[in-house]
Amino acid sequence: MSISTAPVFQLSTIGQIAVPVSDIDRAVSFYRDVLGMRFLFQAPPGLGFFDCGGVRLMLDLPARAQSGNSSVIYYKVDNIQAAFDALSARGATFEGEPHLIAKLPDHELWMAFLRDPDGNLLALMSEIR
């Protein structure tokens, strides 16, 4: 019997996440001006790009048929109440107040959920020690 010593391939780094949108200008404005994300550039045909701490977020107009049905993107924040208050003041509409999800041995996990103009679900998450 032989034991394989070849390294096992694994995925580990996310380079880009695509979010389908129905109106690229409205979506860019929301992610840039309401969420305060760092805008990188727009490119034809209807794509907008943002930096999320080294991971690119691509707003995708050509995929508009799927808008409102994207995966949930969870944004880590240090102070969930301060983030909730700041985004609410900029016009973000949350589905509820920040709330406790789980008490883990070394921290509490808190979340708050909101939607972008196309109905894509987004979340704030904070791990409080």
N, C-alpha and C. Protein backbone atom coordinates (compact mmCIF):
# COMPACT_ATOMS: atom_id res chain seq x y z
N MET A 1 0.83 -1.16 0.00
CA MET A 1 0.00 0.00 0.00
C MET A 1 0.89 1.24 0.00
N SER A 2 0.61 2.19 -0.91
CA SER A 2 1.41 3.41 -0.94
C SER A 2 0.59 4.59 -0.41
N ILE A 3 1.28 5.46 0.25
CA ILE A 3 0.64 6.66 0.80
C ILE A 3 1.07 7.84 -0.05
N SER A 4 0.11 8.58 -0.54
CA SER A 4 0.40 9.74 -1.37
C SER A 4 0.98 10.86 -0.51
N THR A 5 2.06 11.45 -0.99
CA THR A 5 2.67 12.57 -0.28
C THR A 5 2.49 13.87 -1.06
N ALA A 6 1.75 13.80 -2.15
CA ALA A 6 1.50 15.01 -2.93
C ALA A 6 0.64 15.97 -2.13
N PRO A 7 0.93 17.28 -2.22
CA PRO A 7 0.09 18.24 -1.50
C PRO A 7 -1.35 18.19 -2.00
N VAL A 8 -2.26 18.37 -1.09
CA VAL A 8 -3.68 18.36 -1.43
C VAL A 8 -4.07 19.77 -1.85
N PHE A 9 -4.67 19.89 -3.02
CA PHE A 9 -5.12 21.19 -3.50
C PHE A 9 -6.29 21.68 -2.67
N GLN A 10 -6.28 22.95 -2.35
CA GLN A 10 -7.42 23.52 -1.63
C GLN A 10 -7.59 24.98 -2.04
N LEU A 11 -8.81 25.42 -2.05
CA LEU A 11 -9.11 26.82 -2.28
C LEU A 11 -9.03 27.55 -0.96
N SER A 12 -8.49 28.79 -0.98
CA SER A 12 -8.39 29.50 0.29
C SER A 12 -8.62 31.00 0.18
N THR A 13 -8.29 31.60 -0.95
CA THR A 13 -8.38 33.05 -1.05
C THR A 13 -9.46 33.45 -2.05
N ILE A 14 -10.35 34.33 -1.63
CA ILE A 14 -11.36 34.85 -2.54
C ILE A 14 -10.79 36.08 -3.22
N GLY A 15 -10.83 36.11 -4.54
CA GLY A 15 -10.32 37.24 -5.31
C GLY A 15 -11.41 38.22 -5.66
N GLN A 16 -12.61 37.71 -5.93
CA GLN A 16 -13.69 38.59 -6.37
C GLN A 16 -15.04 37.94 -6.08
N ILE A 17 -16.00 38.78 -5.73
CA ILE A 17 -17.38 38.35 -5.53
C ILE A 17 -18.24 39.16 -6.47
N ALA A 18 -19.15 38.52 -7.20
CA ALA A 18 -20.05 39.21 -8.12
C ALA A 18 -21.44 39.32 -7.51
N VAL A 19 -22.03 40.51 -7.64
CA VAL A 19 -23.38 40.75 -7.16
C VAL A 19 -24.21 41.25 -8.34
N PRO A 20 -25.27 40.54 -8.72
CA PRO A 20 -26.11 41.00 -9.85
C PRO A 20 -26.94 42.21 -9.45
N VAL A 21 -26.99 43.21 -10.34
CA VAL A 21 -27.75 44.43 -10.09
C VAL A 21 -28.57 44.79 -11.32
N SER A 22 -29.65 45.55 -11.12
CA SER A 22 -30.51 45.92 -12.24
C SER A 22 -30.22 47.32 -12.78
N ASP A 23 -29.51 48.15 -12.02
CA ASP A 23 -29.18 49.52 -12.42
C ASP A 23 -27.79 49.82 -11.89
N ILE A 24 -26.80 49.84 -12.77
CA ILE A 24 -25.40 49.95 -12.33
C ILE A 24 -25.12 51.28 -11.64
N ASP A 25 -25.67 52.38 -12.14
CA ASP A 25 -25.40 53.68 -11.52
C ASP A 25 -25.99 53.76 -10.12
N ARG A 26 -27.21 53.27 -9.96
CA ARG A 26 -27.86 53.25 -8.63
C ARG A 26 -27.08 52.36 -7.68
N ALA A 27 -26.64 51.21 -8.16
CA ALA A 27 -25.90 50.27 -7.31
C ALA A 27 -24.54 50.85 -6.90
N VAL A 28 -23.82 51.44 -7.86
CA VAL A 28 -22.52 52.05 -7.54
C VAL A 28 -22.71 53.14 -6.50
N SER A 29 -23.73 53.96 -6.67
CA SER A 29 -24.01 55.03 -5.72
C SER A 29 -24.28 54.46 -4.32
N PHE A 30 -25.08 53.40 -4.23
CA PHE A 30 -25.39 52.80 -2.93
C PHE A 30 -24.14 52.24 -2.26
N TYR A 31 -23.37 51.42 -2.97
CA TYR A 31 -22.20 50.79 -2.37
C TYR A 31 -21.12 51.82 -2.04
N ARG A 32 -20.97 52.85 -2.88
CA ARG A 32 -19.96 53.89 -2.64
C ARG A 32 -20.43 54.91 -1.60
N ASP A 33 -21.63 55.47 -1.78
CA ASP A 33 -22.06 56.61 -0.97
C ASP A 33 -22.79 56.21 0.31
N VAL A 34 -23.57 55.16 0.27
CA VAL A 34 -24.30 54.73 1.48
C VAL A 34 -23.43 53.80 2.32
N LEU A 35 -22.88 52.75 1.70
CA LEU A 35 -22.05 51.82 2.46
C LEU A 35 -20.64 52.33 2.70
N GLY A 36 -20.20 53.31 1.89
CA GLY A 36 -18.88 53.90 2.07
C GLY A 36 -17.74 53.01 1.62
N MET A 37 -18.02 52.12 0.66
CA MET A 37 -16.98 51.22 0.18
C MET A 37 -16.05 51.95 -0.79
N ARG A 38 -14.80 51.48 -0.88
CA ARG A 38 -13.80 52.11 -1.75
C ARG A 38 -14.03 51.71 -3.20
N PHE A 39 -14.49 52.67 -4.00
CA PHE A 39 -14.78 52.46 -5.41
C PHE A 39 -13.47 52.36 -6.19
N LEU A 40 -13.37 51.37 -7.07
CA LEU A 40 -12.18 51.21 -7.89
C LEU A 40 -12.41 51.77 -9.30
N PHE A 41 -13.39 51.18 -10.04
CA PHE A 41 -13.64 51.64 -11.40
C PHE A 41 -14.91 51.03 -11.94
N GLN A 42 -15.41 51.59 -13.05
CA GLN A 42 -16.50 51.00 -13.82
C GLN A 42 -15.95 50.59 -15.16
N ALA A 43 -16.52 49.52 -15.73
CA ALA A 43 -16.09 49.03 -17.03
C ALA A 43 -17.30 48.54 -17.80
N PRO A 44 -17.27 48.70 -19.12
CA PRO A 44 -18.38 48.17 -19.91
C PRO A 44 -18.33 46.65 -19.91
N PRO A 45 -19.41 45.95 -20.01
CA PRO A 45 -20.78 46.44 -20.17
C PRO A 45 -21.52 46.45 -18.83
N GLY A 46 -21.47 47.53 -18.09
CA GLY A 46 -22.25 47.65 -16.85
C GLY A 46 -21.65 46.96 -15.65
N LEU A 47 -20.36 47.09 -15.45
CA LEU A 47 -19.70 46.49 -14.31
C LEU A 47 -19.12 47.59 -13.42
N GLY A 48 -19.22 47.42 -12.11
CA GLY A 48 -18.61 48.34 -11.16
C GLY A 48 -17.81 47.55 -10.14
N PHE A 49 -16.63 48.07 -9.80
CA PHE A 49 -15.71 47.32 -8.94
C PHE A 49 -15.36 48.12 -7.69
N PHE A 50 -15.29 47.41 -6.56
CA PHE A 50 -14.96 48.00 -5.26
C PHE A 50 -13.91 47.13 -4.58
N ASP A 51 -13.14 47.75 -3.68
CA ASP A 51 -12.17 47.00 -2.89
C ASP A 51 -12.77 46.73 -1.52
N CYS A 52 -12.74 45.48 -1.10
CA CYS A 52 -13.23 45.07 0.22
C CYS A 52 -12.06 44.44 0.98
N GLY A 53 -11.11 45.25 1.36
CA GLY A 53 -9.97 44.73 2.12
C GLY A 53 -9.17 43.70 1.35
N GLY A 54 -8.97 43.93 0.05
CA GLY A 54 -8.20 43.00 -0.77
C GLY A 54 -9.03 42.04 -1.60
N VAL A 55 -10.32 41.96 -1.34
CA VAL A 55 -11.24 41.16 -2.15
C VAL A 55 -12.04 42.14 -3.00
N ARG A 56 -12.10 41.89 -4.30
CA ARG A 56 -12.86 42.77 -5.18
C ARG A 56 -14.33 42.38 -5.18
N LEU A 57 -15.19 43.40 -5.11
CA LEU A 57 -16.62 43.21 -5.26
C LEU A 57 -17.00 43.76 -6.62
N MET A 58 -17.64 42.93 -7.45
CA MET A 58 -18.05 43.35 -8.78
C MET A 58 -19.57 43.44 -8.85
N LEU A 59 -20.08 44.62 -9.14
CA LEU A 59 -21.51 44.80 -9.39
C LEU A 59 -21.72 44.48 -10.86
N ASP A 60 -22.68 43.61 -11.15
CA ASP A 60 -22.79 42.99 -12.47
C ASP A 60 -24.16 43.23 -13.11
N LEU A 61 -24.25 44.27 -13.94
CA LEU A 61 -25.50 44.56 -14.65
C LEU A 61 -25.89 43.46 -15.64
N PRO A 62 -24.93 42.87 -16.41
CA PRO A 62 -25.34 41.80 -17.33
C PRO A 62 -26.03 40.61 -16.65
N ALA A 63 -25.81 40.42 -15.35
CA ALA A 63 -26.46 39.32 -14.62
C ALA A 63 -27.73 39.80 -13.93
N ARG A 64 -28.31 40.91 -14.39
CA ARG A 64 -29.46 41.53 -13.71
C ARG A 64 -30.64 40.59 -13.53
N ALA A 65 -30.77 39.57 -14.35
CA ALA A 65 -31.89 38.62 -14.19
C ALA A 65 -31.83 37.92 -12.83
N GLN A 66 -30.64 37.84 -12.24
CA GLN A 66 -30.49 37.20 -10.93
C GLN A 66 -30.47 38.21 -9.79
N SER A 67 -30.68 39.50 -10.06
CA SER A 67 -30.59 40.49 -8.98
C SER A 67 -31.60 40.16 -7.88
N GLY A 68 -31.18 40.38 -6.67
CA GLY A 68 -32.00 40.04 -5.51
C GLY A 68 -31.82 38.61 -5.06
N ASN A 69 -31.04 37.84 -5.78
CA ASN A 69 -30.84 36.42 -5.46
C ASN A 69 -29.38 36.05 -5.24
N SER A 70 -28.57 37.03 -4.85
CA SER A 70 -27.15 36.73 -4.66
C SER A 70 -26.91 36.06 -3.31
N SER A 71 -25.70 35.56 -3.13
CA SER A 71 -25.31 35.04 -1.83
C SER A 71 -25.24 36.20 -0.85
N VAL A 72 -25.33 35.91 0.43
CA VAL A 72 -25.24 36.95 1.44
C VAL A 72 -23.77 37.32 1.64
N ILE A 73 -23.47 38.62 1.63
CA ILE A 73 -22.12 39.09 1.92
C ILE A 73 -22.13 39.62 3.35
N TYR A 74 -21.23 39.11 4.18
CA TYR A 74 -21.11 39.51 5.58
C TYR A 74 -19.90 40.42 5.72
N TYR A 75 -20.13 41.65 6.14
CA TYR A 75 -19.06 42.62 6.34
C TYR A 75 -18.69 42.66 7.82
N LYS A 76 -17.41 42.41 8.13
CA LYS A 76 -16.95 42.45 9.52
C LYS A 76 -16.77 43.90 9.94
N VAL A 77 -17.31 44.22 11.12
CA VAL A 77 -17.15 45.55 11.70
C VAL A 77 -16.74 45.39 13.16
N ASP A 78 -15.99 46.35 13.68
CA ASP A 78 -15.57 46.29 15.08
C ASP A 78 -16.71 46.63 16.02
N ASN A 79 -17.48 47.67 15.68
CA ASN A 79 -18.56 48.13 16.54
C ASN A 79 -19.85 48.09 15.73
N ILE A 80 -20.65 47.06 15.92
CA ILE A 80 -21.83 46.87 15.09
C ILE A 80 -22.87 47.97 15.30
N GLN A 81 -23.02 48.47 16.51
CA GLN A 81 -24.01 49.53 16.74
C GLN A 81 -23.59 50.82 16.04
N ALA A 82 -22.31 51.17 16.11
CA ALA A 82 -21.82 52.38 15.43
C ALA A 82 -21.97 52.24 13.92
N ALA A 83 -21.66 51.06 13.36
CA ALA A 83 -21.81 50.83 11.92
C ALA A 83 -23.28 50.91 11.52
N PHE A 84 -24.14 50.29 12.32
CA PHE A 84 -25.59 50.33 12.08
C PHE A 84 -26.08 51.78 12.07
N ASP A 85 -25.67 52.56 13.04
CA ASP A 85 -26.10 53.96 13.14
C ASP A 85 -25.59 54.78 11.95
N ALA A 86 -24.32 54.60 11.58
CA ALA A 86 -23.74 55.37 10.47
C ALA A 86 -24.42 55.04 9.15
N LEU A 87 -24.63 53.76 8.88
CA LEU A 87 -25.26 53.36 7.61
C LEU A 87 -26.73 53.76 7.58
N SER A 88 -27.40 53.65 8.70
CA SER A 88 -28.81 54.09 8.77
C SER A 88 -28.92 55.58 8.47
N ALA A 89 -27.99 56.37 9.00
CA ALA A 89 -28.00 57.82 8.77
C ALA A 89 -27.77 58.16 7.30
N ARG A 90 -27.08 57.27 6.56
CA ARG A 90 -26.83 57.48 5.13
C ARG A 90 -27.97 56.94 4.26
N GLY A 91 -28.98 56.35 4.87
CA GLY A 91 -30.13 55.89 4.10
C GLY A 91 -30.26 54.39 3.94
N ALA A 92 -29.36 53.61 4.54
CA ALA A 92 -29.49 52.15 4.47
C ALA A 92 -30.70 51.73 5.32
N THR A 93 -31.46 50.79 4.81
CA THR A 93 -32.62 50.27 5.53
C THR A 93 -32.32 48.87 6.01
N PHE A 94 -32.30 48.71 7.33
CA PHE A 94 -32.01 47.41 7.93
C PHE A 94 -33.30 46.64 8.18
N GLU A 95 -33.18 45.33 8.24
CA GLU A 95 -34.34 44.48 8.51
C GLU A 95 -34.63 44.39 10.01
N GLY A 96 -33.75 44.92 10.82
CA GLY A 96 -33.92 44.93 12.27
C GLY A 96 -32.68 45.48 12.92
N GLU A 97 -32.74 45.64 14.21
CA GLU A 97 -31.60 46.13 15.00
C GLU A 97 -30.51 45.05 15.05
N PRO A 98 -29.26 45.45 15.35
CA PRO A 98 -28.22 44.43 15.58
C PRO A 98 -28.67 43.50 16.71
N HIS A 99 -28.40 42.22 16.53
CA HIS A 99 -28.86 41.25 17.54
C HIS A 99 -27.84 40.13 17.72
N LEU A 100 -27.90 39.53 18.89
CA LEU A 100 -27.00 38.45 19.25
C LEU A 100 -27.38 37.18 18.48
N ILE A 101 -26.40 36.59 17.83
CA ILE A 101 -26.61 35.34 17.09
C ILE A 101 -26.19 34.15 17.95
N ALA A 102 -25.01 34.28 18.59
CA ALA A 102 -24.50 33.15 19.38
C ALA A 102 -23.53 33.63 20.45
N LYS A 103 -23.59 32.96 21.60
CA LYS A 103 -22.60 33.16 22.65
C LYS A 103 -21.63 31.99 22.54
N LEU A 104 -20.42 32.29 22.11
CA LEU A 104 -19.39 31.28 21.94
C LEU A 104 -18.45 31.33 23.14
N PRO A 105 -17.60 30.33 23.32
CA PRO A 105 -16.75 30.31 24.52
C PRO A 105 -15.91 31.58 24.72
N ASP A 106 -15.41 32.17 23.63
CA ASP A 106 -14.52 33.32 23.79
C ASP A 106 -15.06 34.64 23.24
N HIS A 107 -16.28 34.63 22.66
CA HIS A 107 -16.86 35.88 22.15
C HIS A 107 -18.35 35.70 21.84
N GLU A 108 -18.99 36.84 21.62
CA GLU A 108 -20.38 36.84 21.16
C GLU A 108 -20.39 37.24 19.69
N LEU A 109 -21.28 36.63 18.92
CA LEU A 109 -21.42 36.95 17.50
C LEU A 109 -22.71 37.74 17.33
N TRP A 110 -22.59 38.98 16.84
CA TRP A 110 -23.72 39.86 16.61
C TRP A 110 -23.86 40.13 15.12
N MET A 111 -25.10 40.29 14.63
CA MET A 111 -25.35 40.59 13.22
C MET A 111 -26.51 41.55 13.06
N ALA A 112 -26.50 42.21 11.92
CA ALA A 112 -27.61 43.06 11.48
C ALA A 112 -27.70 42.92 9.97
N PHE A 113 -28.91 42.81 9.44
CA PHE A 113 -29.11 42.54 8.02
C PHE A 113 -29.77 43.73 7.32
N LEU A 114 -29.34 43.95 6.07
CA LEU A 114 -29.90 45.02 5.24
C LEU A 114 -29.92 44.54 3.79
N ARG A 115 -30.59 45.29 2.94
CA ARG A 115 -30.65 44.95 1.52
C ARG A 115 -30.18 46.13 0.70
N ASP A 116 -29.55 45.80 -0.44
CA ASP A 116 -29.16 46.84 -1.38
C ASP A 116 -30.37 47.22 -2.23
N PRO A 117 -30.26 48.19 -3.14
CA PRO A 117 -31.43 48.62 -3.92
C PRO A 117 -32.06 47.52 -4.78
N ASP A 118 -31.32 46.43 -5.06
CA ASP A 118 -31.87 45.33 -5.84
C ASP A 118 -32.42 44.21 -4.98
N GLY A 119 -32.39 44.38 -3.67
CA GLY A 119 -32.91 43.35 -2.77
C GLY A 119 -31.89 42.30 -2.38
N ASN A 120 -30.62 42.46 -2.78
CA ASN A 120 -29.57 41.52 -2.36
C ASN A 120 -29.34 41.68 -0.87
N LEU A 121 -29.30 40.58 -0.15
CA LEU A 121 -29.13 40.60 1.30
C LEU A 121 -27.66 40.80 1.65
N LEU A 122 -27.41 41.75 2.56
CA LEU A 122 -26.09 42.03 3.08
C LEU A 122 -26.17 41.93 4.60
N ALA A 123 -25.04 41.77 5.25
CA ALA A 123 -25.05 41.68 6.71
C ALA A 123 -23.81 42.36 7.29
N LEU A 124 -24.00 42.92 8.47
CA LEU A 124 -22.90 43.36 9.30
C LEU A 124 -22.69 42.28 10.33
N MET A 125 -21.43 41.96 10.63
CA MET A 125 -21.15 40.99 11.68
C MET A 125 -20.05 41.52 12.57
N SER A 126 -20.19 41.26 13.87
CA SER A 126 -19.20 41.71 14.83
C SER A 126 -18.98 40.61 15.85
N GLU A 127 -17.69 40.31 16.08
CA GLU A 127 -17.32 39.33 17.08
C GLU A 127 -16.84 40.10 18.29
N ILE A 128 -17.62 40.08 19.36
CA ILE A 128 -17.35 40.88 20.55
C ILE A 128 -16.77 40.00 21.63
N ARG A 129 -15.58 40.33 22.06
CA ARG A 129 -14.87 39.55 23.11
C ARG A 129 -15.29 40.05 24.47
